[in-house]
């Protein structure tokens, strides 16, 4: 892990760091310093074998939220930084860079809405056939879970190969996330990043998301 003081990154430079398997963080929301992380072990979620519980399956079949993509990216990243958190690694500089990258179609958010209110979301970086998931939030029960599930279904449908979640935690382990070494991650990254996957290759209306999710649940998930 390398720390840099008051570093000024361009969006293009940030994409290059992701292509090397390195990602930025800060010590707190109000700290203007950014450092880069290249951990010895990396958490990944298997796209084809994403695990979903029966209770979550029952919940998602009720279509509790309207699902969109990139309709409210600034609100999603800001919510990831402040909702249900005492502090965060997403400082203002990182937030600004990611908003710029969203406008350049490198960074994407999946959003959950209830009665026209944003209640959950997840965002990350898409390069080739790799999606680097950065953070998610929920202001209601299951908001982040449904956002993640819809993201995974879309990655599966659009032929992404690798879903990076950086570090393991109990929340991610329930979906089948596991840990690999930095060396193994780099091998997977190098293979997947050359794949021509396009997250926009299917529609992004709420009906499109539901159809994609239905197909994914029927074909791929590990349900218990």
C-alpha atoms as a PDB file:
ATOM      1  CA  UNK A   1       0.000   0.000   0.000  1.00  0.00           C
ATOM      2  CA  UNK A   2       1.487   3.313  -1.139  1.00  0.00           C
ATOM      3  CA  UNK A   3       0.474   6.644   0.313  1.00  0.00           C
ATOM      4  CA  UNK A   4       0.747   9.923  -1.610  1.00  0.00           C
ATOM      5  CA  UNK A   5       0.177  13.411  -0.222  1.00  0.00           C
ATOM      6  CA  UNK A   6      -2.136  15.831  -2.041  1.00  0.00           C
ATOM      7  CA  UNK A   7      -1.877  13.843  -5.259  1.00  0.00           C
ATOM      8  CA  UNK A   8      -3.788  15.230  -8.234  1.00  0.00           C
ATOM      9  CA  UNK A   9      -5.078  12.554 -10.573  1.00  0.00           C
ATOM     10  CA  UNK A  10      -6.712  12.865 -13.945  1.00  0.00           C
ATOM     11  CA  UNK A  11      -9.589  10.511 -14.777  1.00  0.00           C
ATOM     12  CA  UNK A  12      -7.392   8.879 -17.420  1.00  0.00           C
ATOM     13  CA  UNK A  13      -4.611   8.207 -14.918  1.00  0.00           C
ATOM     14  CA  UNK A  14      -7.113   6.661 -12.540  1.00  0.00           C
ATOM     15  CA  UNK A  15      -8.282   4.204 -15.199  1.00  0.00           C
ATOM     16  CA  UNK A  16      -4.663   3.201 -15.785  1.00  0.00           C
ATOM     17  CA  UNK A  17      -4.248   2.339 -12.099  1.00  0.00           C
ATOM     18  CA  UNK A  18      -7.302   0.068 -12.223  1.00  0.00           C
ATOM     19  CA  UNK A  19      -5.882  -1.711 -15.248  1.00  0.00           C
ATOM     20  CA  UNK A  20      -2.843  -2.526 -13.093  1.00  0.00           C
ATOM     21  CA  UNK A  21      -5.044  -3.903 -10.304  1.00  0.00           C
ATOM     22  CA  UNK A  22      -4.545  -0.872  -8.052  1.00  0.00           C
ATOM     23  CA  UNK A  23      -7.280   1.319  -6.603  1.00  0.00           C
ATOM     24  CA  UNK A  24      -7.451   4.656  -4.727  1.00  0.00           C
ATOM     25  CA  UNK A  25      -8.605   5.345  -1.185  1.00  0.00           C
ATOM     26  CA  UNK A  26      -8.477   8.121   1.378  1.00  0.00           C
ATOM     27  CA  UNK A  27      -8.347   8.031   5.176  1.00  0.00           C
ATOM     28  CA  UNK A  28     -11.594   9.970   5.597  1.00  0.00           C
ATOM     29  CA  UNK A  29     -14.278  11.984   3.853  1.00  0.00           C
ATOM     30  CA  UNK A  30     -12.637  15.316   4.653  1.00  0.00           C
ATOM     31  CA  UNK A  31      -9.032  14.243   4.098  1.00  0.00           C
ATOM     32  CA  UNK A  32      -7.825  15.539   0.725  1.00  0.00           C
ATOM     33  CA  UNK A  33      -5.020  12.975   0.447  1.00  0.00           C
ATOM     34  CA  UNK A  34      -5.313   9.900  -1.776  1.00  0.00           C
ATOM     35  CA  UNK A  35      -3.299   6.710  -1.520  1.00  0.00           C
ATOM     36  CA  UNK A  36      -3.214   3.615  -3.713  1.00  0.00           C
ATOM     37  CA  UNK A  37      -3.933   0.087  -2.567  1.00  0.00           C
ATOM     38  CA  UNK A  38      -2.567  -3.140  -4.060  1.00  0.00           C
ATOM     39  CA  UNK A  39      -3.515  -5.719  -1.412  1.00  0.00           C
ATOM     40  CA  UNK A  40      -1.865  -9.117  -1.054  1.00  0.00           C
ATOM     41  CA  UNK A  41      -5.291 -10.774  -1.284  1.00  0.00           C
ATOM     42  CA  UNK A  42      -8.290  -9.744  -3.326  1.00  0.00           C
ATOM     43  CA  UNK A  43     -11.987 -10.401  -2.880  1.00  0.00           C
ATOM     44  CA  UNK A  44     -14.013 -11.446  -5.908  1.00  0.00           C
ATOM     45  CA  UNK A  45     -17.614 -12.510  -6.464  1.00  0.00           C
ATOM     46  CA  UNK A  46     -18.212 -15.357  -8.927  1.00  0.00           C
ATOM     47  CA  UNK A  47     -20.640 -13.936 -11.475  1.00  0.00           C
ATOM     48  CA  UNK A  48     -22.017 -17.264 -12.711  1.00  0.00           C
ATOM     49  CA  UNK A  49     -22.286 -18.745  -9.215  1.00  0.00           C
ATOM     50  CA  UNK A  50     -23.572 -15.737  -7.324  1.00  0.00           C
ATOM     51  CA  UNK A  51     -25.360 -17.009  -4.237  1.00  0.00           C
ATOM     52  CA  UNK A  52     -28.825 -15.774  -3.322  1.00  0.00           C
ATOM     53  CA  UNK A  53     -30.831 -16.828  -0.288  1.00  0.00           C
ATOM     54  CA  UNK A  54     -34.410 -18.048  -0.609  1.00  0.00           C
ATOM     55  CA  UNK A  55     -35.630 -15.105   1.456  1.00  0.00           C
ATOM     56  CA  UNK A  56     -33.958 -12.601  -0.867  1.00  0.00           C
ATOM     57  CA  UNK A  57     -35.291 -14.507  -3.867  1.00  0.00           C
ATOM     58  CA  UNK A  58     -38.834 -14.212  -2.539  1.00  0.00           C
ATOM     59  CA  UNK A  59     -38.289 -10.519  -1.882  1.00  0.00           C
ATOM     60  CA  UNK A  60     -36.875  -9.707  -5.320  1.00  0.00           C
ATOM     61  CA  UNK A  61     -39.715 -11.523  -7.080  1.00  0.00           C
ATOM     62  CA  UNK A  62     -42.106  -8.982  -5.562  1.00  0.00           C
ATOM     63  CA  UNK A  63     -40.272  -6.271  -7.534  1.00  0.00           C
ATOM     64  CA  UNK A  64     -39.970  -4.001  -4.487  1.00  0.00           C
ATOM     65  CA  UNK A  65     -37.942  -1.325  -6.300  1.00  0.00           C
ATOM     66  CA  UNK A  66     -37.673   0.337  -9.675  1.00  0.00           C
ATOM     67  CA  UNK A  67     -34.186  -0.335 -11.070  1.00  0.00           C
ATOM     68  CA  UNK A  68     -32.198   2.116 -13.207  1.00  0.00           C
ATOM     69  CA  UNK A  69     -28.611   2.541 -14.381  1.00  0.00           C
ATOM     70  CA  UNK A  70     -26.634   5.791 -14.294  1.00  0.00           C
ATOM     71  CA  UNK A  71     -29.726   7.887 -13.639  1.00  0.00           C
ATOM     72  CA  UNK A  72     -28.351   9.296 -10.384  1.00  0.00           C
ATOM     73  CA  UNK A  73     -24.645   8.551 -10.211  1.00  0.00           C
ATOM     74  CA  UNK A  74     -23.620  11.634  -8.164  1.00  0.00           C
ATOM     75  CA  UNK A  75     -26.302  10.804  -5.602  1.00  0.00           C
ATOM     76  CA  UNK A  76     -25.221   7.154  -5.428  1.00  0.00           C
ATOM     77  CA  UNK A  77     -21.546   7.844  -4.763  1.00  0.00           C
ATOM     78  CA  UNK A  78     -22.414  10.553  -2.251  1.00  0.00           C
ATOM     79  CA  UNK A  79     -24.838   8.207  -0.479  1.00  0.00           C
ATOM     80  CA  UNK A  80     -22.165   5.490  -0.385  1.00  0.00           C
ATOM     81  CA  UNK A  81     -19.924   7.989   1.393  1.00  0.00           C
ATOM     82  CA  UNK A  82     -22.359   9.225   4.021  1.00  0.00           C
ATOM     83  CA  UNK A  83     -25.337   6.909   4.600  1.00  0.00           C
ATOM     84  CA  UNK A  84     -24.996   4.548   7.589  1.00  0.00           C
ATOM     85  CA  UNK A  85     -21.270   5.322   7.895  1.00  0.00           C
ATOM     86  CA  UNK A  86     -19.286   7.070  10.585  1.00  0.00           C
ATOM     87  CA  UNK A  87     -16.521   7.652   8.064  1.00  0.00           C
ATOM     88  CA  UNK A  88     -15.494   6.611   4.584  1.00  0.00           C
ATOM     89  CA  UNK A  89     -12.570   6.239   2.197  1.00  0.00           C
ATOM     90  CA  UNK A  90     -14.489   8.255  -0.442  1.00  0.00           C
ATOM     91  CA  UNK A  91     -13.159  11.794  -0.113  1.00  0.00           C
ATOM     92  CA  UNK A  92     -14.292  14.759  -2.212  1.00  0.00           C
ATOM     93  CA  UNK A  93     -11.453  14.321  -4.722  1.00  0.00           C
ATOM     94  CA  UNK A  94     -12.329  10.665  -5.364  1.00  0.00           C
ATOM     95  CA  UNK A  95     -16.001  11.583  -5.660  1.00  0.00           C
ATOM     96  CA  UNK A  96     -15.229  14.267  -8.262  1.00  0.00           C
ATOM     97  CA  UNK A  97     -13.001  11.934 -10.288  1.00  0.00           C
ATOM     98  CA  UNK A  98     -15.627   9.204 -10.363  1.00  0.00           C
ATOM     99  CA  UNK A  99     -18.350  11.618 -11.449  1.00  0.00           C
ATOM    100  CA  UNK A 100     -16.111  12.612 -14.358  1.00  0.00           C
ATOM    101  CA  UNK A 101     -15.491   8.953 -15.222  1.00  0.00           C
ATOM    102  CA  UNK A 102     -19.226   8.268 -15.124  1.00  0.00           C
ATOM    103  CA  UNK A 103     -19.697  10.959 -17.767  1.00  0.00           C
ATOM    104  CA  UNK A 104     -17.002   9.187 -19.829  1.00  0.00           C
ATOM    105  CA  UNK A 105     -18.836   5.818 -19.499  1.00  0.00           C
ATOM    106  CA  UNK A 106     -16.101   4.125 -17.469  1.00  0.00           C
ATOM    107  CA  UNK A 107     -18.002   4.171 -14.176  1.00  0.00           C
ATOM    108  CA  UNK A 108     -21.575   3.015 -13.637  1.00  0.00           C
ATOM    109  CA  UNK A 109     -24.215   2.908 -10.933  1.00  0.00           C
ATOM    110  CA  UNK A 110     -27.207   0.648 -10.449  1.00  0.00           C
ATOM    111  CA  UNK A 111     -29.985   2.402  -8.539  1.00  0.00           C
ATOM    112  CA  UNK A 112     -33.018   1.211  -6.555  1.00  0.00           C
ATOM    113  CA  UNK A 113     -36.003   3.533  -6.257  1.00  0.00           C
ATOM    114  CA  UNK A 114     -39.115   3.420  -4.102  1.00  0.00           C
ATOM    115  CA  UNK A 115     -41.825   6.023  -4.695  1.00  0.00           C
ATOM    116  CA  UNK A 116     -39.349   8.129  -6.704  1.00  0.00           C
ATOM    117  CA  UNK A 117     -36.849   8.121  -3.837  1.00  0.00           C
ATOM    118  CA  UNK A 118     -33.345   6.663  -4.191  1.00  0.00           C
ATOM    119  CA  UNK A 119     -33.106   3.926  -1.543  1.00  0.00           C
ATOM    120  CA  UNK A 120     -30.164   1.774  -2.625  1.00  0.00           C
ATOM    121  CA  UNK A 121     -27.328   1.563  -5.081  1.00  0.00           C
ATOM    122  CA  UNK A 122     -23.949   0.198  -6.090  1.00  0.00           C
ATOM    123  CA  UNK A 123     -21.252   1.666  -8.332  1.00  0.00           C
ATOM    124  CA  UNK A 124     -17.956   0.697  -9.882  1.00  0.00           C
ATOM    125  CA  UNK A 125     -15.529   0.810 -12.792  1.00  0.00           C
ATOM    126  CA  UNK A 126     -16.024  -1.221 -15.981  1.00  0.00           C
ATOM    127  CA  UNK A 127     -12.986  -1.949 -18.168  1.00  0.00           C
ATOM    128  CA  UNK A 128     -13.098  -4.719 -20.759  1.00  0.00           C
ATOM    129  CA  UNK A 129     -14.669  -7.735 -19.121  1.00  0.00           C
ATOM    130  CA  UNK A 130     -13.884  -6.588 -15.574  1.00  0.00           C
ATOM    131  CA  UNK A 131     -16.139  -4.726 -13.167  1.00  0.00           C
ATOM    132  CA  UNK A 132     -14.397  -3.222 -10.147  1.00  0.00           C
ATOM    133  CA  UNK A 133     -17.196  -2.785  -7.587  1.00  0.00           C
ATOM    134  CA  UNK A 134     -16.384   0.141  -5.324  1.00  0.00           C
ATOM    135  CA  UNK A 135     -19.163   0.650  -2.811  1.00  0.00           C
ATOM    136  CA  UNK A 136     -22.879   0.297  -2.181  1.00  0.00           C
ATOM    137  CA  UNK A 137     -25.457   1.794   0.123  1.00  0.00           C
ATOM    138  CA  UNK A 138     -28.962   1.189   1.385  1.00  0.00           C
ATOM    139  CA  UNK A 139     -31.396   3.426   3.215  1.00  0.00           C
ATOM    140  CA  UNK A 140     -34.062   0.689   3.407  1.00  0.00           C
ATOM    141  CA  UNK A 141     -33.877  -3.037   4.023  1.00  0.00           C
ATOM    142  CA  UNK A 142     -32.296  -4.993   1.127  1.00  0.00           C
ATOM    143  CA  UNK A 143     -31.659  -1.910  -1.000  1.00  0.00           C
ATOM    144  CA  UNK A 144     -27.967  -2.625  -1.545  1.00  0.00           C
ATOM    145  CA  UNK A 145     -28.577  -6.370  -1.970  1.00  0.00           C
ATOM    146  CA  UNK A 146     -31.077  -5.834  -4.765  1.00  0.00           C
ATOM    147  CA  UNK A 147     -28.768  -3.318  -6.448  1.00  0.00           C
ATOM    148  CA  UNK A 148     -25.878  -5.801  -6.318  1.00  0.00           C
ATOM    149  CA  UNK A 149     -28.040  -8.667  -7.569  1.00  0.00           C
ATOM    150  CA  UNK A 150     -29.171  -6.616 -10.558  1.00  0.00           C
ATOM    151  CA  UNK A 151     -25.589  -5.597 -11.263  1.00  0.00           C
ATOM    152  CA  UNK A 152     -24.413  -9.228 -11.230  1.00  0.00           C
ATOM    153  CA  UNK A 153     -27.267 -10.322 -13.495  1.00  0.00           C
ATOM    154  CA  UNK A 154     -26.363  -7.587 -15.961  1.00  0.00           C
ATOM    155  CA  UNK A 155     -22.666  -8.497 -15.881  1.00  0.00           C
ATOM    156  CA  UNK A 156     -23.602 -12.116 -16.571  1.00  0.00           C
ATOM    157  CA  UNK A 157     -25.877 -11.181 -19.481  1.00  0.00           C
ATOM    158  CA  UNK A 158     -23.303  -8.819 -21.031  1.00  0.00           C
ATOM    159  CA  UNK A 159     -20.476 -11.386 -20.714  1.00  0.00           C
ATOM    160  CA  UNK A 160     -18.275  -9.827 -18.062  1.00  0.00           C
ATOM    161  CA  UNK A 161     -15.766 -12.296 -16.628  1.00  0.00           C
ATOM    162  CA  UNK A 162     -14.485 -10.796 -13.374  1.00  0.00           C
ATOM    163  CA  UNK A 163     -16.217  -8.970 -10.510  1.00  0.00           C
ATOM    164  CA  UNK A 164     -13.703  -7.459  -8.106  1.00  0.00           C
ATOM    165  CA  UNK A 165     -14.893  -6.436  -4.636  1.00  0.00           C
ATOM    166  CA  UNK A 166     -11.442  -5.576  -3.238  1.00  0.00           C
ATOM    167  CA  UNK A 167     -11.805  -6.800   0.362  1.00  0.00           C
ATOM    168  CA  UNK A 168     -13.937  -9.547   1.891  1.00  0.00           C
ATOM    169  CA  UNK A 169     -16.519  -8.869   4.575  1.00  0.00           C
ATOM    170  CA  UNK A 170     -19.481 -10.808   5.973  1.00  0.00           C
ATOM    171  CA  UNK A 171     -21.928  -8.909   3.761  1.00  0.00           C
ATOM    172  CA  UNK A 172     -20.118 -10.020   0.590  1.00  0.00           C
ATOM    173  CA  UNK A 173     -19.338 -13.577   1.736  1.00  0.00           C
ATOM    174  CA  UNK A 174     -23.081 -14.353   1.845  1.00  0.00           C
ATOM    175  CA  UNK A 175     -23.144 -13.877  -1.952  1.00  0.00           C
ATOM    176  CA  UNK A 176     -20.317 -16.337  -2.518  1.00  0.00           C
ATOM    177  CA  UNK A 177     -17.410 -13.879  -2.441  1.00  0.00           C
ATOM    178  CA  UNK A 178     -14.019 -15.435  -1.828  1.00  0.00           C
ATOM    179  CA  UNK A 179     -10.389 -14.394  -1.625  1.00  0.00           C
ATOM    180  CA  UNK A 180      -7.492 -15.024  -3.995  1.00  0.00           C
ATOM    181  CA  UNK A 181      -3.863 -13.944  -3.969  1.00  0.00           C
ATOM    182  CA  UNK A 182      -2.649 -10.784  -5.659  1.00  0.00           C
ATOM    183  CA  UNK A 183      -0.781 -12.902  -8.205  1.00  0.00           C
ATOM    184  CA  UNK A 184      -3.865 -14.934  -9.114  1.00  0.00           C
ATOM    185  CA  UNK A 185      -5.979 -11.801  -9.302  1.00  0.00           C
ATOM    186  CA  UNK A 186      -3.526 -10.183 -11.720  1.00  0.00           C
ATOM    187  CA  UNK A 187      -3.680 -13.254 -13.972  1.00  0.00           C
ATOM    188  CA  UNK A 188      -7.485 -13.143 -14.028  1.00  0.00           C
ATOM    189  CA  UNK A 189      -7.403  -9.391 -14.561  1.00  0.00           C
ATOM    190  CA  UNK A 190      -5.018  -9.577 -17.514  1.00  0.00           C
ATOM    191  CA  UNK A 191      -7.242 -12.152 -19.241  1.00  0.00           C
ATOM    192  CA  UNK A 192     -10.576 -10.488 -18.546  1.00  0.00           C
ATOM    193  CA  UNK A 193      -9.584  -6.910 -19.281  1.00  0.00           C
ATOM    194  CA  UNK A 194      -9.022  -7.731 -22.955  1.00  0.00           C
ATOM    195  CA  UNK A 195     -12.590  -8.989 -23.406  1.00  0.00           C
ATOM    196  CA  UNK A 196     -14.928  -6.722 -25.315  1.00  0.00           C
ATOM    197  CA  UNK A 197     -17.856  -6.677 -22.877  1.00  0.00           C
ATOM    198  CA  UNK A 198     -20.375  -3.847 -23.060  1.00  0.00           C
ATOM    199  CA  UNK A 199     -22.588  -3.107 -20.081  1.00  0.00           C
ATOM    200  CA  UNK A 200     -24.866  -1.110 -22.418  1.00  0.00           C
ATOM    201  CA  UNK A 201     -25.409  -3.997 -24.853  1.00  0.00           C
ATOM    202  CA  UNK A 202     -28.862  -4.648 -23.362  1.00  0.00           C
ATOM    203  CA  UNK A 203     -31.559  -2.148 -22.474  1.00  0.00           C
ATOM    204  CA  UNK A 204     -31.627  -0.362 -19.138  1.00  0.00           C
ATOM    205  CA  UNK A 205     -35.311   0.235 -18.409  1.00  0.00           C
ATOM    206  CA  UNK A 206     -36.861  -1.297 -15.299  1.00  0.00           C
ATOM    207  CA  UNK A 207     -38.456  -3.962 -17.520  1.00  0.00           C
ATOM    208  CA  UNK A 208     -35.086  -4.723 -19.105  1.00  0.00           C
ATOM    209  CA  UNK A 209     -33.556  -5.197 -15.661  1.00  0.00           C
ATOM    210  CA  UNK A 210     -36.397  -7.470 -14.570  1.00  0.00           C
ATOM    211  CA  UNK A 211     -36.143  -9.616 -17.702  1.00  0.00           C
ATOM    212  CA  UNK A 212     -32.359  -9.892 -17.286  1.00  0.00           C
ATOM    213  CA  UNK A 213     -32.666 -10.781 -13.623  1.00  0.00           C
ATOM    214  CA  UNK A 214     -35.351 -13.378 -14.298  1.00  0.00           C
ATOM    215  CA  UNK A 215     -33.165 -15.073 -16.905  1.00  0.00           C
ATOM    216  CA  UNK A 216     -30.165 -14.976 -14.582  1.00  0.00           C
ATOM    217  CA  UNK A 217     -32.049 -16.463 -11.652  1.00  0.00           C
ATOM    218  CA  UNK A 218     -33.370 -19.288 -13.795  1.00  0.00           C
ATOM    219  CA  UNK A 219     -30.005 -20.106 -15.315  1.00  0.00           C
ATOM    220  CA  UNK A 220     -27.172 -19.371 -12.972  1.00  0.00           C
ATOM    221  CA  UNK A 221     -27.694 -18.742  -9.296  1.00  0.00           C
ATOM    222  CA  UNK A 222     -26.927 -20.981  -6.346  1.00  0.00           C
ATOM    223  CA  UNK A 223     -30.062 -20.846  -4.194  1.00  0.00           C
ATOM    224  CA  UNK A 224     -30.230 -22.280  -0.685  1.00  0.00           C
END
